[in-house]
């Protein structure tokens, strides 16, 4: 099965599938973009040409990072322009409402590293991208950090998938171990992200 996925990664359709999943999961966090990215990276190790495998991995990394940045930009622009649907969504979601109040101040204080951290946390990307747009932060305050976040997330996902495939072979075990690594990083990022947001409350009140 992973061998078939490896063949798919070699084709433009495979990269397009990964890119589409990564781009849309800012709006639909339930999409398994991380799992798909890791599986594709693991499958890339199934080839017999080592140089070609490395090229596939680099293409996959660039594709995922670019799609992540474009998805963030789309969510940011949507929230920046606002609208009735978005206003209702922000009102109903305590997480998004809190982000609208805090993320702008965090970025203004130079806390853009929080954008990178949030990329690894479940739904953190959505919270930060929509929050930055709703807070009307300038693109220069958000987009460079968004690009760095997308690159860091893609490099981590592709890296653990590829290394897992190198150590354990292009098998489901390698994919499972790599996914566990991604989930662990996400759990740690979510914990730190929530702590940073809680600490931002007294800072803003002061």
N, C-alpha and C. Protein backbone atom coordinates (compact mmCIF):
# COMPACT_ATOMS: atom_id res chain seq x y z
N UNK A 1 0.83 -1.21 0.00
CA UNK A 1 0.00 0.00 0.00
C UNK A 1 0.87 1.27 0.00
N UNK A 2 1.91 1.27 0.87
CA UNK A 2 2.79 2.43 0.91
C UNK A 2 3.58 2.55 -0.39
N UNK A 3 3.83 1.41 -1.04
CA UNK A 3 4.51 1.47 -2.32
C UNK A 3 3.67 2.20 -3.35
N UNK A 4 2.35 1.96 -3.35
CA UNK A 4 1.46 2.68 -4.25
C UNK A 4 1.45 4.17 -3.92
N UNK A 5 1.49 4.50 -2.62
CA UNK A 5 1.51 5.90 -2.21
C UNK A 5 2.81 6.55 -2.64
N UNK A 6 3.91 5.77 -2.59
CA UNK A 6 5.18 6.30 -3.06
C UNK A 6 5.12 6.66 -4.53
N UNK A 7 4.45 5.83 -5.32
CA UNK A 7 4.28 6.13 -6.74
C UNK A 7 3.44 7.38 -6.93
N UNK A 8 2.45 7.55 -6.04
CA UNK A 8 1.59 8.72 -6.12
C UNK A 8 2.37 9.99 -5.81
N UNK A 9 3.31 9.90 -4.85
CA UNK A 9 4.13 11.06 -4.51
C UNK A 9 4.96 11.50 -5.70
N UNK A 10 5.37 10.53 -6.54
CA UNK A 10 6.17 10.86 -7.72
C UNK A 10 5.39 11.65 -8.76
N UNK A 11 4.06 11.61 -8.67
CA UNK A 11 3.23 12.27 -9.67
C UNK A 11 2.73 13.62 -9.17
N UNK A 12 2.41 14.52 -10.11
CA UNK A 12 1.85 15.82 -9.70
C UNK A 12 0.56 15.67 -8.92
N UNK A 13 -0.22 14.61 -9.20
CA UNK A 13 -1.47 14.41 -8.50
C UNK A 13 -1.24 14.14 -7.02
N UNK A 14 -0.17 13.41 -6.70
CA UNK A 14 0.12 13.13 -5.30
C UNK A 14 0.46 14.39 -4.54
N UNK A 15 1.32 15.22 -5.12
CA UNK A 15 1.68 16.48 -4.48
C UNK A 15 0.46 17.40 -4.36
N UNK A 16 -0.41 17.37 -5.39
CA UNK A 16 -1.61 18.20 -5.35
C UNK A 16 -2.53 17.76 -4.23
N UNK A 17 -2.62 16.45 -4.00
CA UNK A 17 -3.47 15.94 -2.92
C UNK A 17 -2.96 16.39 -1.56
N UNK A 18 -1.66 16.29 -1.37
CA UNK A 18 -1.06 16.75 -0.11
C UNK A 18 -1.28 18.25 0.06
N UNK A 19 -1.02 19.01 -1.00
CA UNK A 19 -1.16 20.47 -0.93
C UNK A 19 -2.60 20.87 -0.62
N UNK A 20 -3.57 20.22 -1.25
CA UNK A 20 -4.96 20.56 -1.02
C UNK A 20 -5.37 20.28 0.42
N UNK A 21 -4.93 19.16 0.95
CA UNK A 21 -5.26 18.82 2.33
C UNK A 21 -4.65 19.83 3.31
N UNK A 22 -3.39 20.17 3.08
CA UNK A 22 -2.72 21.13 3.97
C UNK A 22 -3.36 22.51 3.86
N UNK A 23 -3.69 22.92 2.65
CA UNK A 23 -4.28 24.24 2.45
C UNK A 23 -5.63 24.37 3.15
N UNK A 24 -6.44 23.32 3.05
CA UNK A 24 -7.82 23.41 3.56
C UNK A 24 -7.95 23.13 5.05
N UNK A 25 -6.94 22.52 5.68
CA UNK A 25 -7.15 22.16 7.08
C UNK A 25 -7.11 23.35 8.03
N UNK A 26 -6.79 24.54 7.50
CA UNK A 26 -6.94 25.73 8.33
C UNK A 26 -8.42 26.04 8.55
N UNK A 27 -9.27 25.62 7.60
CA UNK A 27 -10.71 25.79 7.73
C UNK A 27 -11.38 24.52 8.25
N UNK A 28 -10.78 23.37 7.96
CA UNK A 28 -11.32 22.08 8.40
C UNK A 28 -10.21 21.32 9.12
N UNK A 29 -9.98 21.63 10.40
CA UNK A 29 -8.88 20.98 11.13
C UNK A 29 -8.99 19.47 11.22
N UNK A 30 -10.17 18.92 10.90
CA UNK A 30 -10.33 17.46 10.98
C UNK A 30 -9.63 16.76 9.82
N UNK A 31 -9.24 17.49 8.78
CA UNK A 31 -8.55 16.87 7.66
C UNK A 31 -7.21 16.28 8.13
N UNK A 32 -6.89 15.05 7.71
CA UNK A 32 -5.66 14.39 8.18
C UNK A 32 -4.43 14.82 7.39
N UNK A 33 -4.19 16.10 7.31
CA UNK A 33 -3.07 16.57 6.48
C UNK A 33 -1.73 16.10 7.03
N UNK A 34 -1.58 16.11 8.35
CA UNK A 34 -0.33 15.66 8.94
C UNK A 34 -0.07 14.19 8.68
N UNK A 35 -1.11 13.37 8.81
CA UNK A 35 -0.98 11.94 8.55
C UNK A 35 -0.64 11.70 7.08
N UNK A 36 -1.29 12.43 6.20
CA UNK A 36 -1.03 12.27 4.77
C UNK A 36 0.39 12.68 4.43
N UNK A 37 0.86 13.77 5.03
CA UNK A 37 2.22 14.25 4.77
C UNK A 37 3.25 13.23 5.23
N UNK A 38 3.08 12.71 6.44
CA UNK A 38 4.02 11.73 6.98
C UNK A 38 4.00 10.45 6.16
N UNK A 39 2.80 9.99 5.79
CA UNK A 39 2.69 8.77 4.99
C UNK A 39 3.39 8.92 3.66
N UNK A 40 3.24 10.08 3.04
CA UNK A 40 3.89 10.33 1.75
C UNK A 40 5.40 10.37 1.91
N UNK A 41 5.88 10.98 3.01
CA UNK A 41 7.32 11.05 3.24
C UNK A 41 7.90 9.66 3.50
N UNK A 42 7.16 8.85 4.27
CA UNK A 42 7.62 7.48 4.53
C UNK A 42 7.64 6.67 3.25
N UNK A 43 6.60 6.83 2.45
CA UNK A 43 6.51 6.08 1.19
C UNK A 43 7.62 6.46 0.23
N UNK A 44 8.12 7.68 0.34
CA UNK A 44 9.19 8.13 -0.56
C UNK A 44 10.47 7.33 -0.38
N UNK A 45 10.62 6.68 0.78
CA UNK A 45 11.83 5.89 1.03
C UNK A 45 11.76 4.52 0.36
N UNK A 46 10.61 4.19 -0.26
CA UNK A 46 10.46 2.88 -0.89
C UNK A 46 11.15 2.79 -2.25
N UNK A 47 11.61 3.91 -2.78
CA UNK A 47 12.24 3.90 -4.09
C UNK A 47 13.61 3.25 -4.08
N UNK A 48 14.10 2.89 -5.22
CA UNK A 48 15.41 2.25 -5.34
C UNK A 48 16.50 3.27 -5.66
N UNK A 49 16.09 4.45 -6.05
CA UNK A 49 17.03 5.51 -6.40
C UNK A 49 17.09 6.51 -5.24
N UNK A 50 18.20 6.46 -4.47
CA UNK A 50 18.33 7.33 -3.31
C UNK A 50 18.27 8.80 -3.64
N UNK A 51 18.91 9.19 -4.74
CA UNK A 51 18.91 10.60 -5.14
C UNK A 51 17.50 11.05 -5.50
N UNK A 52 16.74 10.18 -6.16
CA UNK A 52 15.37 10.52 -6.51
C UNK A 52 14.50 10.61 -5.27
N UNK A 53 14.76 9.74 -4.29
CA UNK A 53 14.00 9.79 -3.04
C UNK A 53 14.18 11.15 -2.35
N UNK A 54 15.44 11.60 -2.31
CA UNK A 54 15.72 12.89 -1.68
C UNK A 54 15.00 14.02 -2.42
N UNK A 55 15.00 13.95 -3.74
CA UNK A 55 14.32 14.96 -4.54
C UNK A 55 12.82 14.95 -4.26
N UNK A 56 12.25 13.76 -4.15
CA UNK A 56 10.82 13.65 -3.83
C UNK A 56 10.51 14.28 -2.48
N UNK A 57 11.38 14.04 -1.51
CA UNK A 57 11.18 14.58 -0.16
C UNK A 57 11.27 16.11 -0.18
N UNK A 58 12.23 16.65 -0.92
CA UNK A 58 12.38 18.10 -1.01
C UNK A 58 11.14 18.71 -1.68
N UNK A 59 10.66 18.08 -2.75
CA UNK A 59 9.45 18.57 -3.42
C UNK A 59 8.24 18.52 -2.48
N UNK A 60 8.14 17.43 -1.72
CA UNK A 60 7.04 17.29 -0.78
C UNK A 60 7.12 18.37 0.30
N UNK A 61 8.31 18.63 0.80
CA UNK A 61 8.51 19.67 1.81
C UNK A 61 8.10 21.04 1.29
N UNK A 62 8.58 21.38 0.10
CA UNK A 62 8.25 22.68 -0.47
C UNK A 62 6.76 22.83 -0.74
N UNK A 63 6.16 21.77 -1.24
CA UNK A 63 4.73 21.78 -1.55
C UNK A 63 3.90 21.99 -0.29
N UNK A 64 4.23 21.25 0.78
CA UNK A 64 3.47 21.35 2.03
C UNK A 64 3.66 22.71 2.69
N UNK A 65 4.89 23.23 2.67
CA UNK A 65 5.16 24.53 3.29
C UNK A 65 4.42 25.64 2.55
N UNK A 66 4.44 25.61 1.21
CA UNK A 66 3.75 26.63 0.42
C UNK A 66 2.25 26.57 0.64
N UNK A 67 1.69 25.36 0.67
CA UNK A 67 0.25 25.21 0.87
C UNK A 67 -0.16 25.70 2.26
N UNK A 68 0.69 25.45 3.25
CA UNK A 68 0.39 25.91 4.61
C UNK A 68 0.33 27.44 4.66
N UNK A 69 1.30 28.09 4.03
CA UNK A 69 1.35 29.55 4.02
C UNK A 69 0.15 30.14 3.27
N UNK A 70 -0.20 29.53 2.12
CA UNK A 70 -1.35 30.01 1.35
C UNK A 70 -2.65 29.84 2.11
N UNK A 71 -2.80 28.72 2.83
CA UNK A 71 -4.00 28.51 3.63
C UNK A 71 -4.11 29.53 4.75
N UNK A 72 -2.99 29.80 5.41
CA UNK A 72 -2.99 30.83 6.46
C UNK A 72 -3.38 32.19 5.90
N UNK A 73 -2.84 32.51 4.73
CA UNK A 73 -3.14 33.80 4.10
C UNK A 73 -4.62 33.91 3.77
N UNK A 74 -5.20 32.81 3.26
CA UNK A 74 -6.62 32.83 2.92
C UNK A 74 -7.48 33.05 4.17
N UNK A 75 -7.14 32.35 5.26
CA UNK A 75 -7.91 32.51 6.50
C UNK A 75 -7.72 33.91 7.07
N UNK A 76 -6.50 34.41 7.01
CA UNK A 76 -6.21 35.76 7.50
C UNK A 76 -7.00 36.81 6.73
N UNK A 77 -7.00 36.71 5.40
CA UNK A 77 -7.72 37.68 4.59
C UNK A 77 -9.22 37.59 4.81
N UNK A 78 -9.73 36.39 4.96
CA UNK A 78 -11.16 36.22 5.22
C UNK A 78 -11.55 36.88 6.53
N UNK A 79 -10.75 36.66 7.56
CA UNK A 79 -11.05 37.25 8.86
C UNK A 79 -10.83 38.76 8.85
N UNK A 80 -9.83 39.22 8.10
CA UNK A 80 -9.53 40.65 8.03
C UNK A 80 -10.70 41.42 7.42
N UNK A 81 -11.28 40.84 6.37
CA UNK A 81 -12.41 41.50 5.70
C UNK A 81 -13.71 41.34 6.48
N UNK A 82 -13.76 40.32 7.31
CA UNK A 82 -14.94 40.12 8.14
C UNK A 82 -16.13 39.62 7.35
N UNK A 83 -17.30 39.82 7.91
CA UNK A 83 -18.51 39.33 7.28
C UNK A 83 -19.47 38.78 8.32
N UNK A 84 -20.72 38.65 7.95
CA UNK A 84 -21.74 38.19 8.89
C UNK A 84 -21.44 36.79 9.39
N UNK A 85 -21.09 35.87 8.46
CA UNK A 85 -20.83 34.50 8.88
C UNK A 85 -19.66 34.44 9.86
N UNK A 86 -18.60 35.19 9.57
CA UNK A 86 -17.43 35.15 10.43
C UNK A 86 -17.73 35.75 11.80
N UNK A 87 -18.50 36.84 11.81
CA UNK A 87 -18.85 37.45 13.09
C UNK A 87 -19.62 36.47 13.97
N UNK A 88 -20.55 35.73 13.36
CA UNK A 88 -21.29 34.74 14.13
C UNK A 88 -20.37 33.64 14.63
N UNK A 89 -19.45 33.22 13.76
CA UNK A 89 -18.52 32.16 14.14
C UNK A 89 -17.62 32.61 15.27
N UNK A 90 -17.13 33.82 15.23
CA UNK A 90 -16.26 34.33 16.27
C UNK A 90 -17.01 34.46 17.59
N UNK A 91 -18.28 34.86 17.51
CA UNK A 91 -19.08 35.03 18.72
C UNK A 91 -19.36 33.69 19.39
N UNK A 92 -19.63 32.67 18.59
CA UNK A 92 -19.98 31.37 19.15
C UNK A 92 -18.79 30.61 19.71
N UNK A 93 -17.61 30.86 19.18
CA UNK A 93 -16.42 30.12 19.60
C UNK A 93 -15.63 30.95 20.61
N UNK A 94 -15.53 30.44 21.83
CA UNK A 94 -14.76 31.15 22.84
C UNK A 94 -13.28 31.20 22.48
N UNK A 95 -12.80 30.14 21.81
CA UNK A 95 -11.39 30.12 21.43
C UNK A 95 -11.09 31.22 20.41
N UNK A 96 -11.97 31.35 19.41
CA UNK A 96 -11.74 32.37 18.39
C UNK A 96 -11.93 33.77 18.95
N UNK A 97 -12.93 33.93 19.85
CA UNK A 97 -13.15 35.24 20.46
C UNK A 97 -11.95 35.66 21.30
N UNK A 98 -11.40 34.71 22.05
CA UNK A 98 -10.23 35.00 22.86
C UNK A 98 -9.03 35.32 21.97
N UNK A 99 -8.91 34.57 20.87
CA UNK A 99 -7.79 34.81 19.95
C UNK A 99 -7.87 36.19 19.35
N UNK A 100 -9.07 36.64 19.00
CA UNK A 100 -9.24 37.96 18.41
C UNK A 100 -8.72 39.03 19.35
N UNK A 101 -8.89 38.82 20.65
CA UNK A 101 -8.48 39.82 21.63
C UNK A 101 -6.99 39.74 21.94
N UNK A 102 -6.42 38.52 21.90
CA UNK A 102 -5.06 38.33 22.38
C UNK A 102 -4.01 38.24 21.29
N UNK A 103 -4.34 37.57 20.18
CA UNK A 103 -3.32 37.31 19.17
C UNK A 103 -2.76 38.60 18.60
N UNK A 104 -3.61 39.57 18.38
CA UNK A 104 -3.13 40.84 17.84
C UNK A 104 -2.10 41.48 18.76
N UNK A 105 -2.37 41.47 20.05
CA UNK A 105 -1.44 42.04 21.01
C UNK A 105 -0.15 41.24 21.09
N UNK A 106 -0.27 39.93 21.00
CA UNK A 106 0.92 39.08 21.04
C UNK A 106 1.83 39.38 19.86
N UNK A 107 1.24 39.49 18.68
CA UNK A 107 2.03 39.81 17.48
C UNK A 107 2.63 41.20 17.59
N UNK A 108 1.87 42.13 18.12
CA UNK A 108 2.34 43.51 18.26
C UNK A 108 3.55 43.59 19.19
N UNK A 109 3.57 42.72 20.21
CA UNK A 109 4.69 42.70 21.15
C UNK A 109 5.87 41.90 20.62
N UNK A 110 5.76 41.43 19.39
CA UNK A 110 6.86 40.67 18.83
C UNK A 110 6.82 39.20 19.18
N UNK A 111 5.65 38.71 19.59
CA UNK A 111 5.54 37.32 19.98
C UNK A 111 5.16 36.43 18.83
N UNK A 112 5.73 36.67 17.67
CA UNK A 112 5.39 35.90 16.50
C UNK A 112 5.76 34.43 16.61
N UNK A 113 6.66 34.10 17.53
CA UNK A 113 7.02 32.70 17.73
C UNK A 113 5.80 31.88 18.12
N UNK A 114 4.79 32.54 18.68
CA UNK A 114 3.56 31.85 19.04
C UNK A 114 2.85 31.32 17.80
N UNK A 115 3.01 32.00 16.68
CA UNK A 115 2.41 31.54 15.42
C UNK A 115 3.05 30.22 15.00
N UNK A 116 4.36 30.12 15.16
CA UNK A 116 5.07 28.89 14.82
C UNK A 116 4.62 27.76 15.74
N UNK A 117 4.55 28.06 17.03
CA UNK A 117 4.12 27.05 18.01
C UNK A 117 2.70 26.57 17.71
N UNK A 118 1.81 27.50 17.40
CA UNK A 118 0.41 27.16 17.16
C UNK A 118 0.25 26.25 15.96
N UNK A 119 1.18 26.30 15.01
CA UNK A 119 1.07 25.47 13.81
C UNK A 119 1.09 23.99 14.15
N UNK A 120 1.73 23.64 15.25
CA UNK A 120 1.82 22.24 15.65
C UNK A 120 0.66 21.81 16.54
N UNK A 121 -0.03 22.77 17.15
CA UNK A 121 -1.14 22.45 18.06
C UNK A 121 -2.41 22.16 17.27
N UNK A 122 -3.22 21.21 17.71
CA UNK A 122 -4.49 20.93 17.02
C UNK A 122 -5.36 22.19 16.94
N UNK A 123 -5.76 22.56 15.77
CA UNK A 123 -6.59 23.73 15.50
C UNK A 123 -5.90 25.05 15.85
N UNK A 124 -4.66 25.00 16.30
CA UNK A 124 -3.95 26.24 16.66
C UNK A 124 -3.74 27.14 15.45
N UNK A 125 -3.49 26.54 14.31
CA UNK A 125 -3.31 27.31 13.08
C UNK A 125 -4.55 28.11 12.76
N UNK A 126 -5.72 27.51 12.92
CA UNK A 126 -6.98 28.20 12.63
C UNK A 126 -7.18 29.36 13.59
N UNK A 127 -6.93 29.10 14.87
CA UNK A 127 -7.13 30.13 15.89
C UNK A 127 -6.25 31.34 15.62
N UNK A 128 -4.98 31.11 15.31
CA UNK A 128 -4.05 32.22 15.13
C UNK A 128 -4.30 32.97 13.82
N UNK A 129 -4.52 32.23 12.74
CA UNK A 129 -4.73 32.89 11.43
C UNK A 129 -6.00 33.74 11.43
N UNK A 130 -7.10 33.16 11.91
CA UNK A 130 -8.35 33.92 11.98
C UNK A 130 -8.26 35.04 13.01
N UNK A 131 -7.59 34.76 14.14
CA UNK A 131 -7.46 35.79 15.19
C UNK A 131 -6.65 36.97 14.73
N UNK A 132 -5.55 36.71 14.00
CA UNK A 132 -4.71 37.81 13.50
C UNK A 132 -5.47 38.65 12.49
N UNK A 133 -6.26 38.00 11.63
CA UNK A 133 -7.04 38.74 10.66
C UNK A 133 -8.14 39.55 11.30
N UNK A 134 -8.85 38.94 12.25
CA UNK A 134 -9.94 39.64 12.93
C UNK A 134 -9.43 40.81 13.75
N UNK A 135 -8.20 40.68 14.26
CA UNK A 135 -7.61 41.78 15.04
C UNK A 135 -7.00 42.85 14.14
N UNK A 136 -7.07 42.65 12.81
CA UNK A 136 -6.56 43.60 11.83
C UNK A 136 -5.08 43.91 12.01
N UNK A 137 -4.31 42.84 12.29
CA UNK A 137 -2.87 43.02 12.34
C UNK A 137 -2.35 43.20 10.92
N UNK A 138 -1.29 43.97 10.76
CA UNK A 138 -0.70 44.20 9.45
C UNK A 138 -0.09 42.91 8.91
N UNK A 139 -0.12 42.71 7.57
CA UNK A 139 0.46 41.49 6.99
C UNK A 139 1.91 41.27 7.40
N UNK A 140 2.67 42.36 7.53
CA UNK A 140 4.08 42.22 7.90
C UNK A 140 4.26 41.67 9.31
N UNK A 141 3.24 41.80 10.14
CA UNK A 141 3.30 41.28 11.51
C UNK A 141 2.93 39.82 11.59
N UNK A 142 2.28 39.30 10.55
CA UNK A 142 1.79 37.93 10.60
C UNK A 142 2.39 37.01 9.55
N UNK A 143 2.44 37.45 8.30
CA UNK A 143 2.81 36.55 7.21
C UNK A 143 4.23 35.98 7.30
N UNK A 144 5.25 36.76 7.69
CA UNK A 144 6.58 36.14 7.81
C UNK A 144 6.59 35.00 8.82
N UNK A 145 5.88 35.18 9.93
CA UNK A 145 5.82 34.12 10.93
C UNK A 145 5.00 32.94 10.43
N UNK A 146 3.97 33.22 9.64
CA UNK A 146 3.17 32.15 9.05
C UNK A 146 4.01 31.31 8.11
N UNK A 147 4.85 31.96 7.31
CA UNK A 147 5.73 31.23 6.39
C UNK A 147 6.72 30.37 7.16
N UNK A 148 7.28 30.93 8.22
CA UNK A 148 8.22 30.17 9.05
C UNK A 148 7.52 28.99 9.71
N UNK A 149 6.29 29.21 10.17
CA UNK A 149 5.53 28.14 10.82
C UNK A 149 5.24 27.01 9.84
N UNK A 150 4.83 27.37 8.63
CA UNK A 150 4.54 26.35 7.62
C UNK A 150 5.79 25.55 7.27
N UNK A 151 6.92 26.22 7.16
CA UNK A 151 8.17 25.54 6.82
C UNK A 151 8.60 24.61 7.96
N UNK A 152 8.48 25.10 9.20
CA UNK A 152 8.88 24.30 10.36
C UNK A 152 8.00 23.05 10.48
N UNK A 153 6.68 23.25 10.32
CA UNK A 153 5.75 22.12 10.43
C UNK A 153 5.99 21.10 9.33
N UNK A 154 6.16 21.58 8.10
CA UNK A 154 6.39 20.69 6.97
C UNK A 154 7.71 19.95 7.13
N UNK A 155 8.75 20.65 7.58
CA UNK A 155 10.06 20.02 7.76
C UNK A 155 9.99 18.94 8.83
N UNK A 156 9.25 19.21 9.89
CA UNK A 156 9.14 18.21 10.97
C UNK A 156 8.38 16.99 10.47
N UNK A 157 7.22 17.21 9.82
CA UNK A 157 6.42 16.10 9.34
C UNK A 157 7.15 15.25 8.31
N UNK A 158 7.76 15.92 7.34
CA UNK A 158 8.50 15.21 6.31
C UNK A 158 9.72 14.53 6.91
N UNK A 159 10.37 15.23 7.84
CA UNK A 159 11.59 14.68 8.45
C UNK A 159 11.32 13.40 9.24
N UNK A 160 10.32 13.42 10.11
CA UNK A 160 10.05 12.22 10.91
C UNK A 160 9.54 11.08 10.02
N UNK A 161 8.77 11.42 8.98
CA UNK A 161 8.29 10.39 8.06
C UNK A 161 9.43 9.75 7.30
N UNK A 162 10.34 10.58 6.81
CA UNK A 162 11.46 10.05 6.03
C UNK A 162 12.42 9.25 6.91
N UNK A 163 12.74 9.78 8.10
CA UNK A 163 13.66 9.07 8.98
C UNK A 163 13.04 7.76 9.47
N UNK A 164 11.73 7.80 9.74
CA UNK A 164 11.05 6.57 10.13
C UNK A 164 11.15 5.51 9.04
N UNK A 165 11.00 5.95 7.80
CA UNK A 165 11.12 5.03 6.68
C UNK A 165 12.54 4.51 6.51
N UNK A 166 13.53 5.35 6.79
CA UNK A 166 14.92 4.93 6.68
C UNK A 166 15.28 3.90 7.74
N UNK A 167 14.77 4.11 8.96
CA UNK A 167 15.12 3.22 10.06
C UNK A 167 14.31 1.93 10.07
N UNK A 168 13.02 2.04 9.76
CA UNK A 168 12.13 0.89 9.89
C UNK A 168 11.64 0.37 8.55
N UNK A 169 12.04 1.03 7.47
CA UNK A 169 11.56 0.63 6.15
C UNK A 169 10.23 1.31 5.84
N UNK A 170 9.86 1.27 4.58
CA UNK A 170 8.60 1.91 4.15
C UNK A 170 7.44 0.99 4.53
N UNK A 171 7.16 0.93 5.83
CA UNK A 171 6.12 0.05 6.37
C UNK A 171 5.12 0.87 7.16
N UNK A 172 4.01 0.22 7.52
CA UNK A 172 3.00 0.89 8.34
C UNK A 172 3.54 1.16 9.74
N UNK A 173 4.48 0.32 10.22
CA UNK A 173 5.08 0.56 11.54
C UNK A 173 5.84 1.88 11.55
N UNK A 174 6.60 2.11 10.50
CA UNK A 174 7.35 3.37 10.39
C UNK A 174 6.39 4.55 10.35
N UNK A 175 5.31 4.41 9.60
CA UNK A 175 4.32 5.49 9.53
C UNK A 175 3.69 5.74 10.89
N UNK A 176 3.34 4.66 11.60
CA UNK A 176 2.70 4.79 12.91
C UNK A 176 3.62 5.49 13.91
N UNK A 177 4.90 5.09 13.92
CA UNK A 177 5.87 5.71 14.83
C UNK A 177 6.03 7.19 14.51
N UNK A 178 6.06 7.53 13.24
CA UNK A 178 6.21 8.92 12.82
C UNK A 178 4.98 9.74 13.21
N UNK A 179 3.80 9.14 13.04
CA UNK A 179 2.57 9.85 13.40
C UNK A 179 2.51 10.09 14.90
N UNK A 180 2.95 9.10 15.69
CA UNK A 180 3.00 9.28 17.15
C UNK A 180 3.92 10.44 17.51
N UNK A 181 5.03 10.56 16.80
CA UNK A 181 5.95 11.67 17.03
C UNK A 181 5.28 13.01 16.74
N UNK A 182 4.49 13.05 15.66
CA UNK A 182 3.79 14.28 15.29
C UNK A 182 2.71 14.62 16.32
N UNK A 183 1.98 13.60 16.78
CA UNK A 183 0.94 13.81 17.79
C UNK A 183 1.57 14.29 19.10
N UNK A 184 2.71 13.71 19.46
CA UNK A 184 3.39 14.14 20.68
C UNK A 184 3.83 15.59 20.61
N UNK A 185 4.37 15.98 19.45
CA UNK A 185 4.78 17.38 19.27
C UNK A 185 3.57 18.30 19.33
N UNK A 186 2.44 17.85 18.77
CA UNK A 186 1.22 18.64 18.81
C UNK A 186 0.69 18.82 20.22
N UNK A 187 0.74 17.75 21.01
CA UNK A 187 0.26 17.84 22.40
C UNK A 187 1.13 18.79 23.21
N UNK A 188 2.43 18.72 23.02
CA UNK A 188 3.34 19.63 23.73
C UNK A 188 3.11 21.07 23.29
N UNK A 189 2.94 21.27 21.99
CA UNK A 189 2.69 22.62 21.47
C UNK A 189 1.38 23.17 22.00
N UNK A 190 0.34 22.34 22.08
CA UNK A 190 -0.96 22.79 22.59
C UNK A 190 -0.85 23.21 24.05
N UNK A 191 -0.08 22.47 24.82
CA UNK A 191 0.10 22.81 26.24
C UNK A 191 0.80 24.15 26.39
N UNK A 192 1.90 24.32 25.66
CA UNK A 192 2.65 25.58 25.76
C UNK A 192 1.83 26.74 25.21
N UNK A 193 1.08 26.49 24.12
CA UNK A 193 0.25 27.53 23.52
C UNK A 193 -0.80 28.03 24.50
N UNK A 194 -1.47 27.10 25.18
CA UNK A 194 -2.49 27.51 26.16
C UNK A 194 -1.86 28.25 27.33
N UNK A 195 -0.70 27.82 27.75
CA UNK A 195 -0.03 28.49 28.86
C UNK A 195 0.37 29.91 28.48
N UNK A 196 0.89 30.08 27.27
CA UNK A 196 1.27 31.42 26.81
C UNK A 196 0.06 32.33 26.71
N UNK A 197 -1.07 31.79 26.27
CA UNK A 197 -2.28 32.61 26.18
C UNK A 197 -2.77 33.01 27.56
N UNK A 198 -2.70 32.08 28.53
CA UNK A 198 -3.13 32.42 29.89
C UNK A 198 -2.23 33.50 30.49
N UNK A 199 -0.93 33.40 30.22
CA UNK A 199 0.00 34.39 30.75
C UNK A 199 -0.17 35.74 30.08
N UNK A 200 -0.76 35.75 28.88
CA UNK A 200 -0.98 37.01 28.16
C UNK A 200 -2.09 37.83 28.80
N UNK A 201 -3.00 37.17 29.55
CA UNK A 201 -4.13 37.87 30.13
C UNK A 201 -3.71 38.92 31.14
N UNK A 202 -2.91 38.57 32.20
CA UNK A 202 -2.48 39.62 33.14
C UNK A 202 -1.60 40.66 32.50
N UNK A 203 -0.82 40.23 31.48
CA UNK A 203 0.06 41.21 30.82
C UNK A 203 -0.75 42.28 30.11
N UNK A 204 -1.86 41.85 29.47
CA UNK A 204 -2.69 42.81 28.77
C UNK A 204 -3.50 43.66 29.74
N UNK A 205 -3.90 43.03 30.86
CA UNK A 205 -4.67 43.77 31.87
C UNK A 205 -3.83 44.85 32.52
N UNK A 206 -2.50 44.54 32.65
CA UNK A 206 -1.61 45.52 33.27
C UNK A 206 -1.31 46.65 32.31
